[in-house]
Amino acid sequence: MFSIVMEYLNSGMKQQEFCSKHDLTRRIFGYWFRKYKREVPSDESFISVKLYDAPQTKPAEEMKISFPNGVVIHLLSSSPENIIRSLIS
């Protein structure tokens, strides 16, 4: 059923329209949608943080810090050293 929910999320349709198209009741679809939201992690809880505005003359190089628990942090290679140290510790 999660594949149906993912199809709905990518469809751009309203729930009622999607349910009609797939012969689903809104009640059953709502149950699976809530279950999906509880069990599947969402990137929507993350926000982008801008530390400073720096003029750039060339494309910035990016570095990635990957932690064993699955957290991945993307930084510009020009990020201040103290910020990188605080993230690692």
PDB file of N, CA and C in Angstrom:
ATOM      1  N   MET A   1       0.816  -1.199   0.000  1.00  0.00           N
ATOM      2  CA  MET A   1       0.000   0.000   0.000  1.00  0.00           C
ATOM      3  C   MET A   1       0.860   1.263   0.000  1.00  0.00           C
ATOM      4  N   PHE A   2       2.091   1.168   0.542  1.00  0.00           N
ATOM      5  CA  PHE A   2       2.959   2.339   0.554  1.00  0.00           C
ATOM      6  C   PHE A   2       3.289   2.799  -0.857  1.00  0.00           C
ATOM      7  N   SER A   3       3.337   1.873  -1.804  1.00  0.00           N
ATOM      8  CA  SER A   3       3.612   2.270  -3.185  1.00  0.00           C
ATOM      9  C   SER A   3       2.472   3.139  -3.730  1.00  0.00           C
ATOM     10  N   ILE A   4       1.252   2.851  -3.329  1.00  0.00           N
ATOM     11  CA  ILE A   4       0.101   3.672  -3.738  1.00  0.00           C
ATOM     12  C   ILE A   4       0.219   5.063  -3.124  1.00  0.00           C
ATOM     13  N   VAL A   5       0.619   5.126  -1.846  1.00  0.00           N
ATOM     14  CA  VAL A   5       0.774   6.424  -1.179  1.00  0.00           C
ATOM     15  C   VAL A   5       1.874   7.228  -1.872  1.00  0.00           C
ATOM     16  N   MET A   6       2.991   6.582  -2.198  1.00  0.00           N
ATOM     17  CA  MET A   6       4.079   7.291  -2.884  1.00  0.00           C
ATOM     18  C   MET A   6       3.623   7.759  -4.266  1.00  0.00           C
ATOM     19  N   GLU A   7       2.830   6.944  -4.937  1.00  0.00           N
ATOM     20  CA  GLU A   7       2.287   7.342  -6.243  1.00  0.00           C
ATOM     21  C   GLU A   7       1.411   8.592  -6.073  1.00  0.00           C
ATOM     22  N   TYR A   8       0.590   8.614  -5.020  1.00  0.00           N
ATOM     23  CA  TYR A   8      -0.249   9.781  -4.746  1.00  0.00           C
ATOM     24  C   TYR A   8       0.612  11.021  -4.502  1.00  0.00           C
ATOM     25  N   LEU A   9       1.661  10.879  -3.679  1.00  0.00           N
ATOM     26  CA  LEU A   9       2.510  12.023  -3.355  1.00  0.00           C
ATOM     27  C   LEU A   9       3.184  12.598  -4.599  1.00  0.00           C
ATOM     28  N   ASN A  10       3.481  11.754  -5.553  1.00  0.00           N
ATOM     29  CA  ASN A  10       4.133  12.214  -6.784  1.00  0.00           C
ATOM     30  C   ASN A  10       3.141  12.635  -7.865  1.00  0.00           C
ATOM     31  N   SER A  11       1.858  12.393  -7.643  1.00  0.00           N
ATOM     32  CA  SER A  11       0.853  12.645  -8.682  1.00  0.00           C
ATOM     33  C   SER A  11       0.452  14.109  -8.819  1.00  0.00           C
ATOM     34  N   GLY A  12       0.510  14.850  -7.730  1.00  0.00           N
ATOM     35  CA  GLY A  12       0.044  16.233  -7.766  1.00  0.00           C
ATOM     36  C   GLY A  12      -1.481  16.344  -7.724  1.00  0.00           C
ATOM     37  N   MET A  13      -2.145  15.220  -7.539  1.00  0.00           N
ATOM     38  CA  MET A  13      -3.610  15.197  -7.500  1.00  0.00           C
ATOM     39  C   MET A  13      -4.099  15.444  -6.078  1.00  0.00           C
ATOM     40  N   LYS A  14      -5.364  15.844  -5.977  1.00  0.00           N
ATOM     41  CA  LYS A  14      -6.000  15.943  -4.670  1.00  0.00           C
ATOM     42  C   LYS A  14      -6.371  14.527  -4.235  1.00  0.00           C
ATOM     43  N   GLN A  15      -6.458  14.322  -2.910  1.00  0.00           N
ATOM     44  CA  GLN A  15      -6.748  12.978  -2.391  1.00  0.00           C
ATOM     45  C   GLN A  15      -8.040  12.409  -2.963  1.00  0.00           C
ATOM     46  N   GLN A  16      -9.072  13.214  -3.004  1.00  0.00           N
ATOM     47  CA  GLN A  16     -10.367  12.726  -3.478  1.00  0.00           C
ATOM     48  C   GLN A  16     -10.269  12.263  -4.937  1.00  0.00           C
ATOM     49  N   GLU A  17      -9.589  13.052  -5.750  1.00  0.00           N
ATOM     50  CA  GLU A  17      -9.420  12.708  -7.160  1.00  0.00           C
ATOM     51  C   GLU A  17      -8.597  11.419  -7.313  1.00  0.00           C
ATOM     52  N   PHE A  18      -7.522  11.321  -6.530  1.00  0.00           N
ATOM     53  CA  PHE A  18      -6.653  10.141  -6.593  1.00  0.00           C
ATOM     54  C   PHE A  18      -7.414   8.889  -6.165  1.00  0.00           C
ATOM     55  N   CYS A  19      -8.174   8.999  -5.068  1.00  0.00           N
ATOM     56  CA  CYS A  19      -8.934   7.849  -4.571  1.00  0.00           C
ATOM     57  C   CYS A  19      -9.977   7.391  -5.596  1.00  0.00           C
ATOM     58  N   SER A  20     -10.644   8.323  -6.230  1.00  0.00           N
ATOM     59  CA  SER A  20     -11.631   7.974  -7.251  1.00  0.00           C
ATOM     60  C   SER A  20     -10.975   7.237  -8.408  1.00  0.00           C
ATOM     61  N   LYS A  21      -9.828   7.741  -8.835  1.00  0.00           N
ATOM     62  CA  LYS A  21      -9.117   7.132  -9.963  1.00  0.00           C
ATOM     63  C   LYS A  21      -8.695   5.697  -9.659  1.00  0.00           C
ATOM     64  N   HIS A  22      -8.346   5.416  -8.382  1.00  0.00           N
ATOM     65  CA  HIS A  22      -7.846   4.097  -7.989  1.00  0.00           C
ATOM     66  C   HIS A  22      -8.891   3.253  -7.246  1.00  0.00           C
ATOM     67  N   ASP A  23     -10.135   3.674  -7.287  1.00  0.00           N
ATOM     68  CA  ASP A  23     -11.223   2.953  -6.617  1.00  0.00           C
ATOM     69  C   ASP A  23     -10.929   2.664  -5.144  1.00  0.00           C
ATOM     70  N   LEU A  24     -10.478   3.694  -4.441  1.00  0.00           N
ATOM     71  CA  LEU A  24     -10.191   3.591  -3.004  1.00  0.00           C
ATOM     72  C   LEU A  24     -11.159   4.481  -2.240  1.00  0.00           C
ATOM     73  N   THR A  25     -11.549   4.047  -1.039  1.00  0.00           N
ATOM     74  CA  THR A  25     -12.328   4.945  -0.189  1.00  0.00           C
ATOM     75  C   THR A  25     -11.356   5.898   0.481  1.00  0.00           C
ATOM     76  N   ARG A  26     -11.811   7.102   0.764  1.00  0.00           N
ATOM     77  CA  ARG A  26     -10.932   8.080   1.428  1.00  0.00           C
ATOM     78  C   ARG A  26     -10.543   7.591   2.811  1.00  0.00           C
ATOM     79  N   ARG A  27     -11.425   6.848   3.457  1.00  0.00           N
ATOM     80  CA  ARG A  27     -11.142   6.346   4.806  1.00  0.00           C
ATOM     81  C   ARG A  27      -9.974   5.352   4.777  1.00  0.00           C
ATOM     82  N   ILE A  28     -10.014   4.399   3.863  1.00  0.00           N
ATOM     83  CA  ILE A  28      -8.926   3.412   3.761  1.00  0.00           C
ATOM     84  C   ILE A  28      -7.631   4.095   3.336  1.00  0.00           C
ATOM     85  N   PHE A  29      -7.730   4.977   2.332  1.00  0.00           N
ATOM     86  CA  PHE A  29      -6.520   5.671   1.882  1.00  0.00           C
ATOM     87  C   PHE A  29      -5.943   6.527   3.011  1.00  0.00           C
ATOM     88  N   GLY A  30      -6.816   7.199   3.759  1.00  0.00           N
ATOM     89  CA  GLY A  30      -6.362   8.028   4.878  1.00  0.00           C
ATOM     90  C   GLY A  30      -5.624   7.206   5.926  1.00  0.00           C
ATOM     91  N   TYR A  31      -6.127   6.001   6.196  1.00  0.00           N
ATOM     92  CA  TYR A  31      -5.457   5.116   7.153  1.00  0.00           C
ATOM     93  C   TYR A  31      -4.050   4.804   6.668  1.00  0.00           C
ATOM     94  N   TRP A  32      -3.895   4.392   5.407  1.00  0.00           N
ATOM     95  CA  TRP A  32      -2.578   4.052   4.869  1.00  0.00           C
ATOM     96  C   TRP A  32      -1.674   5.270   4.764  1.00  0.00           C
ATOM     97  N   PHE A  33      -2.255   6.408   4.467  1.00  0.00           N
ATOM     98  CA  PHE A  33      -1.464   7.639   4.374  1.00  0.00           C
ATOM     99  C   PHE A  33      -0.891   8.014   5.742  1.00  0.00           C
ATOM    100  N   ARG A  34      -1.729   7.937   6.782  1.00  0.00           N
ATOM    101  CA  ARG A  34      -1.237   8.241   8.139  1.00  0.00           C
ATOM    102  C   ARG A  34      -0.169   7.234   8.564  1.00  0.00           C
ATOM    103  N   LYS A  35      -0.379   5.965   8.253  1.00  0.00           N
ATOM    104  CA  LYS A  35       0.594   4.917   8.586  1.00  0.00           C
ATOM    105  C   LYS A  35       1.919   5.187   7.864  1.00  0.00           C
ATOM    106  N   TYR A  36       1.834   5.560   6.610  1.00  0.00           N
ATOM    107  CA  TYR A  36       3.022   5.890   5.820  1.00  0.00           C
ATOM    108  C   TYR A  36       3.781   7.048   6.465  1.00  0.00           C
ATOM    109  N   LYS A  37       3.057   8.111   6.838  1.00  0.00           N
ATOM    110  CA  LYS A  37       3.694   9.285   7.450  1.00  0.00           C
ATOM    111  C   LYS A  37       4.396   8.941   8.766  1.00  0.00           C
ATOM    112  N   ARG A  38       3.825   7.990   9.533  1.00  0.00           N
ATOM    113  CA  ARG A  38       4.446   7.586  10.803  1.00  0.00           C
ATOM    114  C   ARG A  38       5.685   6.735  10.588  1.00  0.00           C
ATOM    115  N   GLU A  39       5.669   5.871   9.583  1.00  0.00           N
ATOM    116  CA  GLU A  39       6.723   4.875   9.428  1.00  0.00           C
ATOM    117  C   GLU A  39       7.837   5.258   8.462  1.00  0.00           C
ATOM    118  N   VAL A  40       7.575   6.157   7.550  1.00  0.00           N
ATOM    119  CA  VAL A  40       8.585   6.525   6.555  1.00  0.00           C
ATOM    120  C   VAL A  40       9.156   7.888   6.929  1.00  0.00           C
ATOM    121  N   PRO A  41      10.474   7.946   7.155  1.00  0.00           N
ATOM    122  CA  PRO A  41      11.073   9.231   7.523  1.00  0.00           C
ATOM    123  C   PRO A  41      10.920  10.252   6.399  1.00  0.00           C
ATOM    124  N   SER A  42      10.754  11.485   6.786  1.00  0.00           N
ATOM    125  CA  SER A  42      10.552  12.554   5.813  1.00  0.00           C
ATOM    126  C   SER A  42      11.680  13.562   5.893  1.00  0.00           C
ATOM    127  N   ASP A  43      12.130  14.044   4.735  1.00  0.00           N
ATOM    128  CA  ASP A  43      13.151  15.082   4.694  1.00  0.00           C
ATOM    129  C   ASP A  43      12.571  16.452   5.008  1.00  0.00           C
ATOM    130  N   GLU A  44      11.248  16.535   5.120  1.00  0.00           N
ATOM    131  CA  GLU A  44      10.609  17.810   5.363  1.00  0.00           C
ATOM    132  C   GLU A  44      10.936  18.369   6.747  1.00  0.00           C
ATOM    133  N   SER A  45      11.457  17.538   7.653  1.00  0.00           N
ATOM    134  CA  SER A  45      11.782  18.019   8.981  1.00  0.00           C
ATOM    135  C   SER A  45      13.132  18.704   9.025  1.00  0.00           C
ATOM    136  N   PHE A  46      13.849  18.690   7.915  1.00  0.00           N
ATOM    137  CA  PHE A  46      15.153  19.322   7.859  1.00  0.00           C
ATOM    138  C   PHE A  46      15.041  20.665   7.159  1.00  0.00           C
ATOM    139  N   ILE A  47      15.816  21.614   7.640  1.00  0.00           N
ATOM    140  CA  ILE A  47      15.845  22.917   7.001  1.00  0.00           C
ATOM    141  C   ILE A  47      17.271  23.233   6.587  1.00  0.00           C
ATOM    142  N   SER A  48      17.399  24.064   5.603  1.00  0.00           N
ATOM    143  CA  SER A  48      18.711  24.480   5.133  1.00  0.00           C
ATOM    144  C   SER A  48      19.160  25.668   5.977  1.00  0.00           C
ATOM    145  N   VAL A  49      20.397  25.644   6.418  1.00  0.00           N
ATOM    146  CA  VAL A  49      20.937  26.710   7.248  1.00  0.00           C
ATOM    147  C   VAL A  49      22.067  27.381   6.491  1.00  0.00           C
ATOM    148  N   LYS A  50      21.968  28.695   6.346  1.00  0.00           N
ATOM    149  CA  LYS A  50      23.017  29.449   5.678  1.00  0.00           C
ATOM    150  C   LYS A  50      23.821  30.162   6.755  1.00  0.00           C
ATOM    151  N   LEU A  51      25.119  29.896   6.821  1.00  0.00           N
ATOM    152  CA  LEU A  51      25.942  30.454   7.883  1.00  0.00           C
ATOM    153  C   LEU A  51      26.426  31.865   7.576  1.00  0.00           C
ATOM    154  N   TYR A  52      26.737  32.136   6.333  1.00  0.00           N
ATOM    155  CA  TYR A  52      27.231  33.458   5.979  1.00  0.00           C
ATOM    156  C   TYR A  52      27.136  33.648   4.473  1.00  0.00           C
ATOM    157  N   ASP A  53      27.143  34.897   4.054  1.00  0.00           N
ATOM    158  CA  ASP A  53      27.173  35.214   2.633  1.00  0.00           C
ATOM    159  C   ASP A  53      28.602  35.574   2.268  1.00  0.00           C
ATOM    160  N   ALA A  54      29.167  34.853   1.351  1.00  0.00           N
ATOM    161  CA  ALA A  54      30.521  35.136   0.905  1.00  0.00           C
ATOM    162  C   ALA A  54      30.513  35.225  -0.609  1.00  0.00           C
ATOM    163  N   PRO A  55      31.104  36.280  -1.140  1.00  0.00           N
ATOM    164  CA  PRO A  55      31.177  36.372  -2.592  1.00  0.00           C
ATOM    165  C   PRO A  55      32.034  35.235  -3.136  1.00  0.00           C
ATOM    166  N   GLN A  56      31.574  34.651  -4.207  1.00  0.00           N
ATOM    167  CA  GLN A  56      32.308  33.527  -4.781  1.00  0.00           C
ATOM    168  C   GLN A  56      32.636  33.838  -6.230  1.00  0.00           C
ATOM    169  N   THR A  57      33.883  33.614  -6.583  1.00  0.00           N
ATOM    170  CA  THR A  57      34.297  33.866  -7.951  1.00  0.00           C
ATOM    171  C   THR A  57      34.347  32.582  -8.759  1.00  0.00           C
ATOM    172  N   LYS A  58      34.418  31.445  -8.076  1.00  0.00           N
ATOM    173  CA  LYS A  58      34.417  30.157  -8.751  1.00  0.00           C
ATOM    174  C   LYS A  58      33.445  29.241  -8.030  1.00  0.00           C
ATOM    175  N   PRO A  59      33.009  28.181  -8.662  1.00  0.00           N
ATOM    176  CA  PRO A  59      32.086  27.264  -7.989  1.00  0.00           C
ATOM    177  C   PRO A  59      32.690  26.725  -6.690  1.00  0.00           C
ATOM    178  N   ALA A  60      31.876  26.706  -5.658  1.00  0.00           N
ATOM    179  CA  ALA A  60      32.344  26.238  -4.355  1.00  0.00           C
ATOM    180  C   ALA A  60      32.474  24.720  -4.363  1.00  0.00           C
ATOM    181  N   GLU A  61      33.522  24.236  -3.732  1.00  0.00           N
ATOM    182  CA  GLU A  61      33.679  22.796  -3.575  1.00  0.00           C
ATOM    183  C   GLU A  61      32.922  22.370  -2.332  1.00  0.00           C
ATOM    184  N   GLU A  62      32.327  21.210  -2.421  1.00  0.00           N
ATOM    185  CA  GLU A  62      31.507  20.719  -1.321  1.00  0.00           C
ATOM    186  C   GLU A  62      32.182  19.528  -0.662  1.00  0.00           C
ATOM    187  N   MET A  63      32.005  19.431   0.651  1.00  0.00           N
ATOM    188  CA  MET A  63      32.480  18.249   1.364  1.00  0.00           C
ATOM    189  C   MET A  63      31.297  17.634   2.074  1.00  0.00           C
ATOM    190  N   LYS A  64      31.421  16.365   2.371  1.00  0.00           N
ATOM    191  CA  LYS A  64      30.332  15.630   2.984  1.00  0.00           C
ATOM    192  C   LYS A  64      30.875  14.899   4.209  1.00  0.00           C
ATOM    193  N   ILE A  65      30.185  15.021   5.341  1.00  0.00           N
ATOM    194  CA  ILE A  65      30.527  14.292   6.557  1.00  0.00           C
ATOM    195  C   ILE A  65      29.412  13.281   6.785  1.00  0.00           C
ATOM    196  N   SER A  66      29.762  11.995   6.793  1.00  0.00           N
ATOM    197  CA  SER A  66      28.785  10.922   7.004  1.00  0.00           C
ATOM    198  C   SER A  66      29.027  10.281   8.361  1.00  0.00           C
ATOM    199  N   PHE A  67      27.989  10.235   9.175  1.00  0.00           N
ATOM    200  CA  PHE A  67      28.076   9.628  10.496  1.00  0.00           C
ATOM    201  C   PHE A  67      27.537   8.200  10.444  1.00  0.00           C
ATOM    202  N   PRO A  68      27.990   7.321  11.364  1.00  0.00           N
ATOM    203  CA  PRO A  68      27.546   5.924  11.368  1.00  0.00           C
ATOM    204  C   PRO A  68      26.033   5.748  11.510  1.00  0.00           C
ATOM    205  N   ASN A  69      25.348   6.721  12.121  1.00  0.00           N
ATOM    206  CA  ASN A  69      23.896   6.592  12.312  1.00  0.00           C
ATOM    207  C   ASN A  69      23.100   7.000  11.078  1.00  0.00           C
ATOM    208  N   GLY A  70      23.792   7.328   9.985  1.00  0.00           N
ATOM    209  CA  GLY A  70      23.120   7.657   8.738  1.00  0.00           C
ATOM    210  C   GLY A  70      22.975   9.144   8.473  1.00  0.00           C
ATOM    211  N   VAL A  71      23.329   9.983   9.431  1.00  0.00           N
ATOM    212  CA  VAL A  71      23.240  11.427   9.233  1.00  0.00           C
ATOM    213  C   VAL A  71      24.369  11.856   8.291  1.00  0.00           C
ATOM    214  N   VAL A  72      24.022  12.662   7.299  1.00  0.00           N
ATOM    215  CA  VAL A  72      24.999  13.169   6.343  1.00  0.00           C
ATOM    216  C   VAL A  72      24.902  14.689   6.336  1.00  0.00           C
ATOM    217  N   ILE A  73      26.050  15.358   6.470  1.00  0.00           N
ATOM    218  CA  ILE A  73      26.089  16.817   6.469  1.00  0.00           C
ATOM    219  C   ILE A  73      26.899  17.258   5.261  1.00  0.00           C
ATOM    220  N   HIS A  74      26.318  18.151   4.457  1.00  0.00           N
ATOM    221  CA  HIS A  74      26.999  18.708   3.296  1.00  0.00           C
ATOM    222  C   HIS A  74      27.454  20.119   3.652  1.00  0.00           C
ATOM    223  N   LEU A  75      28.739  20.401   3.434  1.00  0.00           N
ATOM    224  CA  LEU A  75      29.302  21.718   3.735  1.00  0.00           C
ATOM    225  C   LEU A  75      30.131  22.207   2.561  1.00  0.00           C
ATOM    226  N   LEU A  76      30.315  23.510   2.503  1.00  0.00           N
ATOM    227  CA  LEU A  76      31.269  24.053   1.556  1.00  0.00           C
ATOM    228  C   LEU A  76      32.664  23.830   2.125  1.00  0.00           C
ATOM    229  N   SER A  77      33.619  23.563   1.264  1.00  0.00           N
ATOM    230  CA  SER A  77      34.974  23.326   1.753  1.00  0.00           C
ATOM    231  C   SER A  77      35.561  24.584   2.385  1.00  0.00           C
ATOM    232  N   SER A  78      34.960  25.728   2.112  1.00  0.00           N
ATOM    233  CA  SER A  78      35.432  26.978   2.699  1.00  0.00           C
ATOM    234  C   SER A  78      34.770  27.282   4.051  1.00  0.00           C
ATOM    235  N   SER A  79      34.017  26.330   4.603  1.00  0.00           N
ATOM    236  CA  SER A  79      33.360  26.538   5.900  1.00  0.00           C
ATOM    237  C   SER A  79      34.403  26.743   6.986  1.00  0.00           C
ATOM    238  N   PRO A  80      34.113  27.607   7.952  1.00  0.00           N
ATOM    239  CA  PRO A  80      35.063  27.859   9.034  1.00  0.00           C
ATOM    240  C   PRO A  80      35.418  26.569   9.791  1.00  0.00           C
ATOM    241  N   GLU A  81      36.677  26.455  10.141  1.00  0.00           N
ATOM    242  CA  GLU A  81      37.182  25.252  10.799  1.00  0.00           C
ATOM    243  C   GLU A  81      36.469  24.978  12.123  1.00  0.00           C
ATOM    244  N   ASN A  82      36.161  26.013  12.878  1.00  0.00           N
ATOM    245  CA  ASN A  82      35.508  25.806  14.182  1.00  0.00           C
ATOM    246  C   ASN A  82      34.116  25.194  14.021  1.00  0.00           C
ATOM    247  N   ILE A  83      33.429  25.503  12.949  1.00  0.00           N
ATOM    248  CA  ILE A  83      32.112  24.917  12.711  1.00  0.00           C
ATOM    249  C   ILE A  83      32.255  23.433  12.369  1.00  0.00           C
ATOM    250  N   ILE A  84      33.244  23.129  11.543  1.00  0.00           N
ATOM    251  CA  ILE A  84      33.469  21.726  11.174  1.00  0.00           C
ATOM    252  C   ILE A  84      33.842  20.916  12.408  1.00  0.00           C
ATOM    253  N   ARG A  85      34.722  21.465  13.240  1.00  0.00           N
ATOM    254  CA  ARG A  85      35.109  20.765  14.483  1.00  0.00           C
ATOM    255  C   ARG A  85      33.909  20.528  15.406  1.00  0.00           C
ATOM    256  N   SER A  86      33.034  21.530  15.527  1.00  0.00           N
ATOM    257  CA  SER A  86      31.880  21.360  16.421  1.00  0.00           C
ATOM    258  C   SER A  86      30.909  20.318  15.889  1.00  0.00           C
ATOM    259  N   LEU A  87      30.813  20.167  14.581  1.00  0.00           N
ATOM    260  CA  LEU A  87      29.944  19.153  14.006  1.00  0.00           C
ATOM    261  C   LEU A  87      30.489  17.745  14.230  1.00  0.00           C
ATOM    262  N   ILE A  88      31.784  17.607  14.166  1.00  0.00           N
ATOM    263  CA  ILE A  88      32.422  16.289  14.317  1.00  0.00           C
ATOM    264  C   ILE A  88      32.425  15.833  15.765  1.00  0.00           C
ATOM    265  N   SER A  89      32.580  16.775  16.686  1.00  0.00           N
ATOM    266  CA  SER A  89      32.681  16.365  18.102  1.00  0.00           C
ATOM    267  C   SER A  89      31.352  16.092  18.722  1.00  0.00           C
TER     268      SER A  89
END
